[in-house]
N, C-alpha and C. Protein backbone atom coordinates (compact mmCIF):
# COMPACT_ATOMS: atom_id res chain seq x y z
N UNK A 1 -24.58 -36.30 32.00
CA UNK A 1 -24.31 -36.63 30.68
C UNK A 1 -24.52 -38.31 30.68
N UNK A 2 -24.20 -39.08 31.89
CA UNK A 2 -23.87 -40.37 31.80
C UNK A 2 -25.48 -41.02 32.31
N UNK A 3 -26.23 -40.11 32.11
CA UNK A 3 -27.58 -40.71 32.79
C UNK A 3 -28.40 -41.06 31.16
N UNK A 4 -27.90 -40.44 30.28
CA UNK A 4 -28.33 -40.73 29.06
C UNK A 4 -28.15 -42.42 28.48
N UNK A 5 -29.03 -42.91 28.25
CA UNK A 5 -28.81 -44.35 27.76
C UNK A 5 -27.84 -44.97 26.88
N UNK A 6 -27.85 -43.92 25.46
CA UNK A 6 -27.27 -44.10 24.64
C UNK A 6 -25.42 -44.05 25.05
N UNK A 7 -25.37 -42.67 25.92
CA UNK A 7 -23.71 -42.59 26.49
C UNK A 7 -23.28 -43.43 27.27
N UNK A 8 -24.14 -44.21 27.98
CA UNK A 8 -23.86 -45.32 28.92
C UNK A 8 -23.58 -46.69 28.00
N UNK A 9 -24.16 -46.69 27.24
CA UNK A 9 -23.83 -47.90 26.03
C UNK A 9 -22.52 -47.79 25.41
N UNK A 10 -22.48 -46.04 24.78
CA UNK A 10 -21.28 -46.05 24.36
C UNK A 10 -19.98 -46.45 25.05
N UNK A 11 -19.73 -45.81 26.36
CA UNK A 11 -18.79 -46.02 27.51
C UNK A 11 -18.46 -47.24 27.78
N UNK A 12 -19.66 -48.18 27.96
CA UNK A 12 -19.37 -49.81 27.88
C UNK A 12 -18.88 -50.11 26.62
N UNK A 13 -19.20 -49.97 25.70
CA UNK A 13 -18.80 -50.35 24.41
C UNK A 13 -16.93 -49.62 23.95
N UNK A 14 -17.03 -48.41 24.59
CA UNK A 14 -15.49 -48.06 24.74
C UNK A 14 -14.76 -49.28 25.41
N UNK A 15 -15.12 -49.15 26.81
CA UNK A 15 -14.44 -50.05 27.82
C UNK A 15 -14.00 -51.21 27.61
N UNK A 16 -14.67 -51.75 26.74
CA UNK A 16 -14.73 -53.27 25.98
C UNK A 16 -13.78 -53.24 24.55
N UNK A 17 -13.92 -52.05 24.39
CA UNK A 17 -12.72 -51.81 23.09
C UNK A 17 -11.20 -51.79 23.62
N UNK A 18 -11.32 -51.02 24.86
CA UNK A 18 -9.94 -50.66 25.65
C UNK A 18 -9.34 -52.02 26.12
N UNK A 19 -10.38 -53.14 26.65
CA UNK A 19 -9.74 -54.20 27.16
C UNK A 19 -9.67 -55.28 25.88
N UNK A 20 -10.06 -55.04 24.89
CA UNK A 20 -9.41 -56.09 23.68
C UNK A 20 -8.29 -55.48 23.12
N UNK A 21 -7.93 -54.10 23.29
CA UNK A 21 -6.57 -53.16 22.67
C UNK A 21 -5.63 -53.50 23.57
N UNK A 22 -5.97 -53.82 24.83
CA UNK A 22 -4.80 -53.76 25.84
C UNK A 22 -3.54 -54.92 25.78
N UNK A 23 -4.02 -55.90 24.78
CA UNK A 23 -2.49 -56.93 24.08
C UNK A 23 -1.87 -55.92 23.14
N UNK A 24 -2.44 -55.31 22.77
CA UNK A 24 -1.87 -54.32 21.53
C UNK A 24 -1.02 -53.81 21.99
N UNK A 25 -1.43 -52.89 22.89
CA UNK A 25 -0.51 -51.79 23.43
C UNK A 25 0.36 -52.41 24.57
N UNK A 26 0.32 -53.66 25.16
CA UNK A 26 1.33 -54.36 25.61
C UNK A 26 2.71 -54.98 25.21
N UNK A 27 2.05 -54.82 23.82
CA UNK A 27 3.25 -55.14 23.10
C UNK A 27 4.41 -54.00 22.86
N UNK A 28 3.98 -52.65 23.14
CA UNK A 28 4.95 -51.94 23.17
C UNK A 28 5.68 -51.79 24.77
N UNK A 29 6.94 -51.45 24.66
CA UNK A 29 7.55 -51.71 25.77
C UNK A 29 7.27 -50.53 26.85
N UNK A 30 6.92 -51.15 28.02
CA UNK A 30 6.58 -50.37 29.36
C UNK A 30 5.29 -50.94 29.33
N UNK A 31 4.55 -50.48 30.43
CA UNK A 31 3.38 -51.27 31.06
C UNK A 31 2.24 -50.60 30.95
N UNK A 32 2.54 -49.89 29.39
CA UNK A 32 0.89 -49.46 29.06
C UNK A 32 -0.27 -50.33 28.88
N UNK A 33 -0.10 -51.56 28.30
CA UNK A 33 -1.37 -52.52 28.66
C UNK A 33 -2.07 -52.68 29.55
N UNK A 34 -1.52 -52.68 30.91
CA UNK A 34 -1.98 -53.09 32.23
C UNK A 34 -3.06 -51.85 32.46
N UNK A 35 -2.74 -50.36 31.99
CA UNK A 35 -3.19 -49.09 32.28
C UNK A 35 -4.44 -49.23 31.34
N UNK A 36 -4.56 -49.29 30.21
CA UNK A 36 -5.24 -49.62 29.15
C UNK A 36 -6.34 -50.44 29.76
N UNK A 37 -6.24 -51.48 29.83
CA UNK A 37 -7.11 -52.77 30.52
C UNK A 37 -7.80 -52.41 31.65
N UNK A 38 -6.92 -51.79 32.83
CA UNK A 38 -8.01 -50.84 34.03
C UNK A 38 -8.71 -50.14 33.52
N UNK A 39 -8.39 -49.21 32.74
CA UNK A 39 -9.26 -48.30 32.27
C UNK A 39 -10.21 -48.73 31.70
N UNK A 40 -10.47 -49.54 30.70
CA UNK A 40 -11.72 -50.31 29.74
C UNK A 40 -12.18 -51.20 31.27
N UNK A 41 -11.82 -52.03 32.00
CA UNK A 41 -12.47 -52.54 33.17
C UNK A 41 -13.17 -51.81 33.65
N UNK A 42 -12.20 -50.41 34.45
CA UNK A 42 -13.68 -49.56 34.95
C UNK A 42 -14.61 -49.05 34.64
N UNK A 43 -14.34 -48.61 33.24
CA UNK A 43 -15.46 -48.30 32.34
C UNK A 43 -16.66 -49.07 32.00
N UNK A 44 -16.26 -50.40 31.80
CA UNK A 44 -17.32 -51.36 31.98
C UNK A 44 -17.71 -51.63 32.93
N UNK A 45 -17.01 -51.71 34.30
CA UNK A 45 -17.75 -52.09 35.72
C UNK A 45 -19.05 -50.94 35.79
N UNK A 46 -18.45 -49.74 35.61
CA UNK A 46 -18.96 -48.38 36.08
C UNK A 46 -20.46 -48.33 35.46
N UNK A 47 -20.35 -48.83 34.13
CA UNK A 47 -21.78 -48.82 33.49
C UNK A 47 -22.39 -49.89 33.22
N UNK A 48 -22.07 -50.93 33.42
CA UNK A 48 -22.57 -52.46 32.84
C UNK A 48 -23.01 -53.17 34.25
N UNK A 49 -24.46 -53.41 33.94
CA UNK A 49 -24.85 -54.20 35.09
C UNK A 49 -24.47 -55.91 34.75
N UNK A 50 -24.47 -56.25 33.32
CA UNK A 50 -23.88 -57.58 33.43
C UNK A 50 -21.94 -57.55 33.70
N UNK A 51 -21.50 -56.75 33.35
CA UNK A 51 -19.89 -56.43 34.08
C UNK A 51 -19.86 -56.88 35.43
N UNK A 52 -20.71 -55.99 35.97
CA UNK A 52 -20.67 -56.32 37.41
C UNK A 52 -20.87 -57.69 38.27
N UNK A 53 -22.05 -58.27 37.41
CA UNK A 53 -22.54 -59.50 37.78
C UNK A 53 -21.34 -60.69 37.72
N UNK A 54 -20.66 -60.28 36.47
CA UNK A 54 -19.57 -61.47 35.82
C UNK A 54 -18.05 -60.95 36.97
N UNK A 55 -18.16 -59.81 37.21
CA UNK A 55 -16.79 -59.57 38.22
C UNK A 55 -17.35 -60.18 39.38
N UNK A 56 -18.30 -60.03 40.09
CA UNK A 56 -18.65 -60.53 41.08
C UNK A 56 -18.61 -62.11 41.24
N UNK A 57 -19.03 -62.67 40.14
CA UNK A 57 -19.02 -63.83 40.02
C UNK A 57 -16.98 -64.43 40.14
N UNK A 58 -16.20 -63.69 39.55
CA UNK A 58 -14.64 -63.57 39.27
C UNK A 58 -14.31 -63.59 40.83
N UNK A 59 -14.86 -62.50 41.75
CA UNK A 59 -14.22 -62.38 42.91
C UNK A 59 -14.62 -63.61 43.73
N UNK A 60 -15.96 -64.08 43.30
CA UNK A 60 -16.07 -65.00 44.60
C UNK A 60 -15.39 -66.35 44.22
N UNK A 61 -14.86 -66.57 43.07
CA UNK A 61 -14.27 -67.71 42.59
C UNK A 61 -12.66 -67.58 42.93
N UNK A 62 -12.08 -66.51 42.83
CA UNK A 62 -10.86 -66.04 43.19
C UNK A 62 -10.89 -65.21 44.45
N UNK A 63 -10.74 -65.12 45.23
CA UNK A 63 -11.07 -63.71 46.44
C UNK A 63 -9.71 -63.02 46.40
N UNK A 64 -8.31 -63.66 46.13
CA UNK A 64 -7.44 -63.01 46.18
C UNK A 64 -6.92 -62.18 44.95
N UNK A 65 -7.30 -62.69 43.79
CA UNK A 65 -7.13 -62.17 42.48
C UNK A 65 -8.21 -61.05 42.27
N UNK A 66 -9.42 -60.90 42.95
CA UNK A 66 -10.32 -60.11 43.08
C UNK A 66 -9.91 -58.70 44.12
N UNK A 67 -9.51 -58.97 45.10
CA UNK A 67 -8.83 -58.29 46.23
C UNK A 67 -7.82 -57.28 45.35
N UNK A 68 -6.85 -58.11 44.46
CA UNK A 68 -5.82 -57.06 44.08
C UNK A 68 -6.76 -56.42 42.88
N UNK A 69 -7.48 -56.65 41.88
CA UNK A 69 -8.00 -56.09 41.29
C UNK A 69 -9.09 -54.65 41.80
N UNK A 70 -9.68 -54.76 42.74
CA UNK A 70 -10.32 -53.77 43.62
C UNK A 70 -9.60 -52.87 43.89
N UNK A 71 -7.87 -53.33 44.70
CA UNK A 71 -7.12 -52.17 45.10
C UNK A 71 -6.31 -51.54 43.86
N UNK A 72 -6.15 -52.52 42.60
CA UNK A 72 -5.72 -51.74 41.62
C UNK A 72 -6.69 -50.61 40.97
N UNK A 73 -8.13 -50.81 40.97
CA UNK A 73 -8.99 -49.99 40.29
C UNK A 73 -9.21 -48.88 41.21
N UNK A 74 -9.00 -49.08 42.40
CA UNK A 74 -9.38 -48.36 43.79
C UNK A 74 -10.56 -47.88 43.81
N UNK A 75 -11.25 -49.18 43.69
CA UNK A 75 -13.08 -49.22 43.95
C UNK A 75 -13.30 -49.00 45.61
N UNK A 76 -14.16 -47.97 45.49
CA UNK A 76 -14.67 -47.52 47.09
C UNK A 76 -15.41 -48.38 47.95
N UNK A 77 -16.06 -49.41 47.12
CA UNK A 77 -16.82 -50.57 47.94
C UNK A 77 -15.78 -51.22 48.38
N UNK A 78 -14.63 -51.83 48.00
CA UNK A 78 -13.68 -52.53 48.14
C UNK A 78 -12.88 -51.67 49.29
N UNK A 79 -12.46 -50.47 49.59
CA UNK A 79 -11.89 -49.47 50.52
C UNK A 79 -12.77 -49.70 51.85
N UNK A 80 -14.48 -49.56 51.43
CA UNK A 80 -15.62 -49.60 52.60
C UNK A 80 -15.54 -50.99 53.14
N UNK A 81 -15.29 -51.97 52.34
CA UNK A 81 -15.19 -53.48 52.82
C UNK A 81 -14.18 -53.91 53.70
N UNK A 82 -12.88 -53.21 53.10
CA UNK A 82 -11.57 -53.41 53.72
C UNK A 82 -11.69 -52.69 55.08
N UNK A 83 -11.99 -51.34 55.26
CA UNK A 83 -12.36 -51.04 56.29
C UNK A 83 -13.17 -51.53 57.61
N UNK A 84 -14.42 -52.03 56.97
CA UNK A 84 -15.09 -52.63 57.83
C UNK A 84 -14.74 -53.97 58.20
N UNK A 85 -13.92 -54.65 57.32
CA UNK A 85 -12.80 -55.78 58.19
C UNK A 85 -11.78 -55.74 59.10
N UNK A 86 -11.51 -54.36 59.02
CA UNK A 86 -10.24 -54.10 60.02
C UNK A 86 -10.95 -53.82 61.48
N UNK A 87 -12.04 -52.86 61.23
CA UNK A 87 -12.74 -52.36 62.68
C UNK A 87 -13.61 -53.84 63.22
N UNK A 88 -13.83 -54.78 62.10
CA UNK A 88 -14.55 -56.07 62.86
C UNK A 88 -13.01 -56.53 63.93
N UNK A 89 -12.47 -56.70 62.87
CA UNK A 89 -11.33 -57.50 63.74
C UNK A 89 -10.53 -56.90 65.13
N UNK A 90 -10.72 -55.22 64.71
CA UNK A 90 -10.10 -54.42 66.12
C UNK A 90 -11.27 -55.09 67.22
N UNK A 91 -12.11 -54.97 66.91
CA UNK A 91 -13.64 -55.41 67.86
C UNK A 91 -13.20 -56.84 68.13
N UNK A 92 -13.23 -57.67 67.63
CA UNK A 92 -12.86 -59.05 68.23
C UNK A 92 -11.68 -58.97 68.97
N UNK A 93 -10.74 -58.32 68.71
CA UNK A 93 -9.34 -58.28 69.73
C UNK A 93 -9.81 -57.65 70.73
N UNK A 94 -10.29 -56.42 70.71
CA UNK A 94 -10.53 -55.88 71.91
C UNK A 94 -11.57 -56.66 73.31
N UNK A 95 -12.49 -57.49 72.40
CA UNK A 95 -13.47 -58.38 73.08
C UNK A 95 -12.60 -59.64 73.84
N UNK A 96 -11.40 -59.96 73.06
CA UNK A 96 -10.83 -61.48 73.67
C UNK A 96 -9.84 -60.65 75.02
N UNK A 97 -9.72 -59.60 74.72
CA UNK A 97 -8.68 -59.02 75.92
C UNK A 97 -9.56 -58.61 77.17
């Protein structure tokens, strides 16, 4: 179903709408605004090339914040990258011994 261009565009619009509405939900007691924003961001990142490019640019400028965002969104690409870095560090440590 998500291969249909109209559906993809509607999901991107829904994601943007959720991100815009998150401050309103955040005014309600509890952490609801964070979850609404994360849901909107994940929809936008999954179905929009522009959102992906902007996100990569943000991560390059702010690597620590990008790492936290990846962790919070549980992005598979970030998990693979972290595993690769750990394996690389372990190999370098083993080579030094």
